[in-house]
Protein backbone atom coordinates (compact mmCIF):
# COMPACT_ATOMS: atom_id res chain seq x y z
CA MET A 1 175.92 24.72 -85.70
CA SER A 2 176.02 24.16 -89.43
CA SER A 3 178.57 21.36 -89.45
CA GLY A 4 176.49 19.43 -91.98
CA SER A 5 175.11 15.99 -91.30
CA PRO A 6 174.09 14.84 -87.80
CA PHE A 7 175.78 11.51 -88.42
CA LYS A 8 179.23 12.92 -87.73
CA GLY A 9 181.04 12.80 -84.43
CA LEU A 10 182.22 10.32 -81.83
CA HIS A 11 178.87 8.58 -81.37
CA SER A 12 178.39 7.76 -85.04
CA SER A 13 181.98 6.67 -85.54
CA SER A 14 181.82 4.32 -82.55
CA PHE A 15 178.51 3.02 -83.88
CA VAL A 16 180.11 2.33 -87.25
CA LEU A 17 183.00 0.55 -85.55
CA MET A 18 180.56 -1.53 -83.52
CA LEU A 19 178.58 -2.33 -86.65
CA ALA A 20 181.73 -3.29 -88.53
CA HIS A 21 182.86 -5.50 -85.65
CA ALA A 22 179.46 -7.20 -85.48
CA PHE A 23 179.50 -7.73 -89.24
CA ARG A 24 183.02 -9.14 -89.10
CA THR A 25 182.08 -11.51 -86.27
CA ALA A 26 178.98 -12.69 -88.11
CA PHE A 27 180.98 -13.11 -91.32
CA ASP A 28 183.62 -15.20 -89.54
CA ALA A 29 180.91 -17.39 -88.02
CA TYR A 30 179.29 -17.73 -91.44
CA MET A 31 182.58 -18.78 -93.01
CA VAL A 32 183.14 -21.37 -90.27
CA VAL A 33 179.66 -22.81 -90.81
CA LEU A 34 180.12 -22.71 -94.57
CA ASP A 35 183.48 -24.47 -94.27
CA ALA A 36 181.95 -27.10 -91.99
CA THR A 37 178.96 -27.76 -94.25
CA VAL A 38 180.46 -27.31 -97.72
CA GLY A 39 183.94 -28.53 -96.83
CA PRO A 40 183.14 -32.26 -96.68
CA VAL A 41 181.17 -32.00 -99.93
CA PHE A 42 183.82 -30.14 -101.90
CA GLY A 43 187.01 -31.56 -100.48
CA ASP A 44 189.55 -29.56 -102.45
CA PHE A 45 187.59 -26.30 -102.30
CA ASP A 46 189.20 -24.41 -99.43
CA VAL A 47 186.75 -21.71 -98.34
CA SER A 48 189.11 -20.17 -95.78
CA GLY A 49 191.80 -19.81 -98.43
CA VAL A 50 189.72 -17.18 -100.22
CA MET A 51 190.20 -14.59 -97.48
């Protein structure tokens, strides 16, 4: 089949969704840690308000 790239289909799309979910989870955890560490230092700088 000449459908183009082998990265198309259900497997790749579910992999991308899994990757995006993992990235989102890691980003949320990073923001929580950043808010916990930077928050007390910069009191009026609300990190969570950026999102």
